Each structure stands twice: as structure tokens, then as C-alpha cells.
Amino acid sequence: MGFKDLRKKKWFSIATNLYVVVLTAFVIWMVFFDTNSLLIHRELQKQIDDLEKQKEFLKSEIEKDRITLEKLSDPQELEKFAREKYYLKKKDEEIYLIEYEDSLKNKEDDE
């Protein structure tokens, strides 16, 4: 089977058509090599999705903090928060911290 026989095939004439060759080269260039290639677009879209998720998470955290700040505007809530979070105490008062075995094991694992 020589080159002449190959040229007579229909697929060969379509594949070697100048327009098909140029279009194929253009598509390959746009998909893989161009600065705005589809691969880069996919990567950028993934980053956008990750940032959207982070944005939603941060919005929810801001809302939680806003609620906490509103609660802390009350002096009794502020005192409760200081006592629970920072173990602050009043004068002539003793505080006992009770730790359970499983919480001690978790602290040892963290260290």
C-alpha cells in the first residue's frame, strides 16, 4: 500500500485539508498552550469556588461574632464571658477547674 493508495482514502483527504489542519492546530493551541487556555480557566474556576466557600464561612463567623458582641454589651454577660473564657475571678474567690481523664489525654496528644 503506497502513498497514492493512501491519498485516495476519504479520511486522508479530509485530514489533510488545509482548513482542518489549521482548525486542529488552533484548537490544540487554545486548549493547552494559550495564556487563556481551558486548563487555566478550570484552575481559576476551582480557585473561585474555594474563595466563595471561604467567603460564606467568614460571613457566618462574622455573624457569630456580631451576636457575641451584642451579648457582651450587657455587663452580666461580659462578666460571665470573662469568667468562663479567661478564668477571671472576683476578690476573695477561689476557682476550681475540673478536668476529666479524656480531656487530659487529648492535651497530652496535642503536645
N, C-alpha and C. Protein backbone atom coordinates (compact mmCIF):
# COMPACT_ATOMS: atom_id res chain seq x y z
N MET A 1 0.84 -1.17 0.00
CA MET A 1 0.00 0.00 0.00
C MET A 1 0.89 1.24 0.00
N GLY A 2 0.84 1.97 -1.05
CA GLY A 2 1.71 3.11 -1.21
C GLY A 2 1.03 4.41 -0.84
N PHE A 3 1.75 5.46 -1.04
CA PHE A 3 1.25 6.79 -0.72
C PHE A 3 0.06 7.16 -1.61
N LYS A 4 0.10 6.71 -2.88
CA LYS A 4 -1.00 7.01 -3.80
C LYS A 4 -2.30 6.37 -3.32
N ASP A 5 -2.20 5.14 -2.83
CA ASP A 5 -3.40 4.47 -2.30
C ASP A 5 -3.93 5.18 -1.06
N LEU A 6 -3.01 5.65 -0.25
CA LEU A 6 -3.39 6.36 0.96
C LEU A 6 -4.09 7.67 0.63
N ARG A 7 -3.66 8.35 -0.41
CA ARG A 7 -4.26 9.63 -0.81
C ARG A 7 -5.68 9.45 -1.34
N LYS A 8 -5.99 8.27 -1.79
CA LYS A 8 -7.32 8.03 -2.34
C LYS A 8 -8.37 7.80 -1.23
N LYS A 9 -7.92 7.52 -0.04
CA LYS A 9 -8.85 7.30 1.06
C LYS A 9 -9.54 8.61 1.41
N LYS A 10 -10.83 8.53 1.78
CA LYS A 10 -11.62 9.72 2.09
C LYS A 10 -11.12 10.41 3.37
N TRP A 11 -10.81 9.64 4.43
CA TRP A 11 -10.36 10.23 5.68
C TRP A 11 -9.05 10.98 5.50
N PHE A 12 -8.18 10.49 4.60
CA PHE A 12 -6.90 11.15 4.38
C PHE A 12 -7.10 12.51 3.72
N SER A 13 -8.03 12.57 2.77
CA SER A 13 -8.27 13.85 2.11
C SER A 13 -8.90 14.86 3.07
N ILE A 14 -9.73 14.38 3.99
CA ILE A 14 -10.32 15.28 4.99
C ILE A 14 -9.25 15.72 5.99
N ALA A 15 -8.43 14.78 6.46
CA ALA A 15 -7.42 15.09 7.47
C ALA A 15 -6.34 16.03 6.94
N THR A 16 -6.07 15.97 5.64
CA THR A 16 -5.01 16.83 5.09
C THR A 16 -5.56 18.11 4.48
N ASN A 17 -6.87 18.31 4.61
CA ASN A 17 -7.46 19.56 4.13
C ASN A 17 -6.86 20.70 4.95
N LEU A 18 -6.49 21.79 4.31
CA LEU A 18 -5.82 22.91 4.94
C LEU A 18 -6.66 23.49 6.08
N TYR A 19 -7.96 23.62 5.88
CA TYR A 19 -8.83 24.17 6.91
C TYR A 19 -8.89 23.27 8.14
N VAL A 20 -8.94 21.98 7.93
CA VAL A 20 -8.99 21.03 9.04
C VAL A 20 -7.67 21.06 9.81
N VAL A 21 -6.57 21.13 9.11
CA VAL A 21 -5.26 21.17 9.77
C VAL A 21 -5.12 22.45 10.60
N VAL A 22 -5.50 23.59 10.02
CA VAL A 22 -5.40 24.86 10.73
C VAL A 22 -6.35 24.87 11.93
N LEU A 23 -7.58 24.40 11.73
CA LEU A 23 -8.54 24.36 12.84
C LEU A 23 -8.06 23.45 13.95
N THR A 24 -7.51 22.31 13.63
CA THR A 24 -6.99 21.38 14.64
C THR A 24 -5.85 22.01 15.42
N ALA A 25 -4.93 22.65 14.70
CA ALA A 25 -3.81 23.32 15.37
C ALA A 25 -4.32 24.43 16.29
N PHE A 26 -5.33 25.19 15.82
CA PHE A 26 -5.90 26.28 16.62
C PHE A 26 -6.55 25.74 17.90
N VAL A 27 -7.32 24.68 17.76
CA VAL A 27 -8.00 24.10 18.93
C VAL A 27 -6.97 23.57 19.93
N ILE A 28 -5.97 22.88 19.45
CA ILE A 28 -4.92 22.36 20.35
C ILE A 28 -4.22 23.52 21.06
N TRP A 29 -3.91 24.59 20.32
CA TRP A 29 -3.26 25.75 20.92
C TRP A 29 -4.14 26.38 22.00
N MET A 30 -5.43 26.55 21.70
CA MET A 30 -6.33 27.20 22.65
C MET A 30 -6.56 26.35 23.90
N VAL A 31 -6.60 25.04 23.74
CA VAL A 31 -6.88 24.17 24.88
C VAL A 31 -5.66 24.03 25.79
N PHE A 32 -4.46 23.92 25.23
CA PHE A 32 -3.30 23.59 26.04
C PHE A 32 -2.28 24.71 26.23
N PHE A 33 -2.01 25.53 25.21
CA PHE A 33 -0.85 26.41 25.25
C PHE A 33 -1.16 27.88 25.46
N ASP A 34 -2.33 28.34 25.15
CA ASP A 34 -2.65 29.76 25.23
C ASP A 34 -2.67 30.22 26.68
N THR A 35 -2.43 31.52 26.91
CA THR A 35 -2.46 32.04 28.29
C THR A 35 -3.88 32.00 28.85
N ASN A 36 -4.87 31.91 28.02
CA ASN A 36 -6.27 31.79 28.47
C ASN A 36 -6.81 30.40 28.13
N SER A 37 -5.98 29.38 28.28
CA SER A 37 -6.38 28.03 27.90
C SER A 37 -7.49 27.50 28.80
N LEU A 38 -8.13 26.46 28.34
CA LEU A 38 -9.20 25.85 29.12
C LEU A 38 -8.68 25.28 30.43
N LEU A 39 -7.45 24.78 30.44
CA LEU A 39 -6.88 24.24 31.66
C LEU A 39 -6.72 25.33 32.72
N ILE A 40 -6.28 26.50 32.29
CA ILE A 40 -6.13 27.61 33.22
C ILE A 40 -7.50 28.08 33.69
N HIS A 41 -8.47 28.12 32.78
CA HIS A 41 -9.83 28.50 33.18
C HIS A 41 -10.40 27.55 34.22
N ARG A 42 -10.14 26.26 34.06
CA ARG A 42 -10.61 25.27 35.04
C ARG A 42 -9.97 25.51 36.40
N GLU A 43 -8.67 25.77 36.39
CA GLU A 43 -7.94 26.02 37.63
C GLU A 43 -8.45 27.30 38.31
N LEU A 44 -8.68 28.33 37.53
CA LEU A 44 -9.19 29.59 38.08
C LEU A 44 -10.61 29.42 38.62
N GLN A 45 -11.43 28.64 37.94
CA GLN A 45 -12.79 28.40 38.41
C GLN A 45 -12.78 27.65 39.74
N LYS A 46 -11.84 26.72 39.88
CA LYS A 46 -11.72 25.98 41.13
C LYS A 46 -11.32 26.95 42.26
N GLN A 47 -10.38 27.86 41.97
CA GLN A 47 -9.99 28.85 42.98
C GLN A 47 -11.17 29.75 43.35
N ILE A 48 -11.96 30.13 42.36
CA ILE A 48 -13.13 30.97 42.63
C ILE A 48 -14.11 30.23 43.53
N ASP A 49 -14.34 28.96 43.25
CA ASP A 49 -15.25 28.16 44.08
C ASP A 49 -14.74 28.06 45.52
N ASP A 50 -13.43 27.84 45.66
CA ASP A 50 -12.85 27.77 47.01
C ASP A 50 -13.01 29.09 47.74
N LEU A 51 -12.78 30.19 47.03
CA LEU A 51 -12.92 31.51 47.66
C LEU A 51 -14.37 31.82 48.02
N GLU A 52 -15.32 31.35 47.19
CA GLU A 52 -16.74 31.53 47.51
C GLU A 52 -17.10 30.77 48.79
N LYS A 53 -16.58 29.55 48.94
CA LYS A 53 -16.83 28.78 50.16
C LYS A 53 -16.23 29.48 51.37
N GLN A 54 -15.00 29.99 51.20
CA GLN A 54 -14.35 30.71 52.30
C GLN A 54 -15.13 31.97 52.65
N LYS A 55 -15.66 32.64 51.64
CA LYS A 55 -16.45 33.85 51.87
C LYS A 55 -17.69 33.53 52.70
N GLU A 56 -18.39 32.46 52.36
CA GLU A 56 -19.59 32.07 53.11
C GLU A 56 -19.23 31.70 54.55
N PHE A 57 -18.12 30.99 54.72
CA PHE A 57 -17.68 30.62 56.06
C PHE A 57 -17.39 31.87 56.88
N LEU A 58 -16.66 32.81 56.28
CA LEU A 58 -16.30 34.03 57.02
C LEU A 58 -17.53 34.89 57.32
N LYS A 59 -18.51 34.89 56.42
CA LYS A 59 -19.75 35.62 56.71
C LYS A 59 -20.44 35.02 57.93
N SER A 60 -20.48 33.70 58.00
CA SER A 60 -21.12 33.06 59.16
C SER A 60 -20.33 33.35 60.44
N GLU A 61 -19.00 33.38 60.35
CA GLU A 61 -18.19 33.71 61.52
C GLU A 61 -18.42 35.15 61.95
N ILE A 62 -18.55 36.06 61.00
CA ILE A 62 -18.82 37.46 61.32
C ILE A 62 -20.17 37.58 62.03
N GLU A 63 -21.15 36.83 61.56
CA GLU A 63 -22.47 36.87 62.20
C GLU A 63 -22.39 36.34 63.63
N LYS A 64 -21.64 35.26 63.85
CA LYS A 64 -21.47 34.72 65.20
C LYS A 64 -20.80 35.76 66.10
N ASP A 65 -19.76 36.42 65.57
CA ASP A 65 -19.06 37.44 66.36
C ASP A 65 -19.95 38.63 66.65
N ARG A 66 -20.80 38.99 65.69
CA ARG A 66 -21.72 40.10 65.91
C ARG A 66 -22.69 39.78 67.06
N ILE A 67 -23.19 38.55 67.07
CA ILE A 67 -24.09 38.13 68.14
C ILE A 67 -23.36 38.13 69.48
N THR A 68 -22.12 37.66 69.49
CA THR A 68 -21.32 37.66 70.72
C THR A 68 -21.09 39.08 71.22
N LEU A 69 -20.78 39.99 70.31
CA LEU A 69 -20.56 41.39 70.71
C LEU A 69 -21.83 42.02 71.29
N GLU A 70 -22.96 41.69 70.71
CA GLU A 70 -24.23 42.21 71.24
C GLU A 70 -24.47 41.67 72.64
N LYS A 71 -24.16 40.39 72.84
CA LYS A 71 -24.33 39.81 74.17
C LYS A 71 -23.37 40.44 75.17
N LEU A 72 -22.16 40.77 74.74
CA LEU A 72 -21.15 41.31 75.65
C LEU A 72 -21.40 42.77 76.01
N SER A 73 -22.35 43.40 75.37
CA SER A 73 -22.67 44.78 75.74
C SER A 73 -23.39 44.81 77.09
N ASP A 74 -23.95 43.69 77.49
CA ASP A 74 -24.58 43.57 78.81
C ASP A 74 -23.48 43.26 79.84
N PRO A 75 -23.37 44.02 80.93
CA PRO A 75 -22.30 43.80 81.92
C PRO A 75 -22.31 42.39 82.54
N GLN A 76 -23.48 41.83 82.75
CA GLN A 76 -23.54 40.48 83.33
C GLN A 76 -23.01 39.44 82.35
N GLU A 77 -23.34 39.60 81.08
CA GLU A 77 -22.83 38.68 80.07
C GLU A 77 -21.32 38.83 79.90
N LEU A 78 -20.85 40.06 80.01
CA LEU A 78 -19.41 40.31 79.91
C LEU A 78 -18.67 39.62 81.06
N GLU A 79 -19.23 39.71 82.26
CA GLU A 79 -18.61 39.05 83.41
C GLU A 79 -18.63 37.53 83.23
N LYS A 80 -19.74 37.00 82.78
CA LYS A 80 -19.85 35.55 82.54
C LYS A 80 -18.82 35.10 81.52
N PHE A 81 -18.69 35.86 80.43
CA PHE A 81 -17.73 35.52 79.38
C PHE A 81 -16.30 35.53 79.95
N ALA A 82 -15.95 36.58 80.73
CA ALA A 82 -14.61 36.69 81.28
C ALA A 82 -14.32 35.54 82.24
N ARG A 83 -15.30 35.15 83.02
CA ARG A 83 -15.10 34.06 83.96
C ARG A 83 -14.91 32.72 83.23
N GLU A 84 -15.72 32.47 82.21
CA GLU A 84 -15.66 31.18 81.51
C GLU A 84 -14.45 31.09 80.59
N LYS A 85 -14.18 32.14 79.88
CA LYS A 85 -13.13 32.09 78.85
C LYS A 85 -11.73 32.30 79.43
N TYR A 86 -11.59 33.27 80.32
CA TYR A 86 -10.27 33.64 80.81
C TYR A 86 -10.07 33.31 82.29
N TYR A 87 -11.01 32.60 82.89
CA TYR A 87 -10.92 32.14 84.28
C TYR A 87 -10.65 33.31 85.24
N LEU A 88 -11.27 34.44 84.99
CA LEU A 88 -11.13 35.58 85.88
C LEU A 88 -12.03 35.35 87.10
N LYS A 89 -11.65 35.98 88.20
CA LYS A 89 -12.41 35.77 89.42
C LYS A 89 -12.52 37.10 90.17
N LYS A 90 -13.46 37.09 91.11
CA LYS A 90 -13.62 38.26 91.98
C LYS A 90 -12.62 38.15 93.13
N LYS A 91 -12.46 39.23 93.86
CA LYS A 91 -11.58 39.22 95.02
C LYS A 91 -12.11 38.23 96.05
N ASP A 92 -11.20 37.56 96.71
CA ASP A 92 -11.55 36.58 97.76
C ASP A 92 -12.44 35.46 97.23
N GLU A 93 -12.16 35.03 96.04
CA GLU A 93 -12.96 33.95 95.43
C GLU A 93 -11.98 32.91 94.90
N GLU A 94 -12.33 31.66 95.05
CA GLU A 94 -11.49 30.59 94.53
C GLU A 94 -12.20 29.90 93.38
N ILE A 95 -11.41 29.48 92.40
CA ILE A 95 -11.97 28.78 91.24
C ILE A 95 -11.33 27.40 91.17
N TYR A 96 -12.16 26.41 90.98
CA TYR A 96 -11.69 25.04 90.81
C TYR A 96 -11.99 24.61 89.38
N LEU A 97 -10.96 24.15 88.68
CA LEU A 97 -11.13 23.64 87.33
C LEU A 97 -11.14 22.12 87.39
N ILE A 98 -12.17 21.54 86.86
CA ILE A 98 -12.31 20.09 86.87
C ILE A 98 -12.00 19.59 85.47
N GLU A 99 -11.00 18.74 85.41
CA GLU A 99 -10.63 18.16 84.13
C GLU A 99 -10.87 16.67 84.19
N TYR A 100 -11.44 16.14 83.14
CA TYR A 100 -11.71 14.72 83.07
C TYR A 100 -10.54 14.00 82.40
N GLU A 101 -10.46 12.69 82.60
CA GLU A 101 -9.34 11.92 82.07
C GLU A 101 -9.21 12.06 80.56
N ASP A 102 -10.32 11.99 79.85
CA ASP A 102 -10.24 12.06 78.39
C ASP A 102 -9.74 13.41 77.91
N SER A 103 -10.04 14.49 78.63
CA SER A 103 -9.53 15.80 78.23
C SER A 103 -8.03 15.89 78.49
N LEU A 104 -7.55 15.22 79.55
CA LEU A 104 -6.11 15.21 79.82
C LEU A 104 -5.37 14.42 78.75
N LYS A 105 -5.95 13.32 78.31
CA LYS A 105 -5.32 12.53 77.24
C LYS A 105 -5.23 13.35 75.96
N ASN A 106 -6.26 14.11 75.65
CA ASN A 106 -6.24 14.96 74.45
C ASN A 106 -5.14 16.02 74.54
N LYS A 107 -4.94 16.58 75.71
CA LYS A 107 -3.87 17.58 75.88
C LYS A 107 -2.51 16.95 75.68
N GLU A 108 -2.30 15.72 76.21
CA GLU A 108 -1.03 15.05 76.03
C GLU A 108 -0.77 14.71 74.57
N ASP A 109 -1.81 14.36 73.83
CA ASP A 109 -1.68 14.05 72.40
C ASP A 109 -1.30 15.29 71.62
N ASP A 110 -1.83 16.44 72.01
CA ASP A 110 -1.54 17.70 71.31
C ASP A 110 -0.09 18.12 71.50
N GLU A 111 0.47 17.79 72.65
CA GLU A 111 1.84 18.21 72.93
C GLU A 111 2.78 17.33 72.23
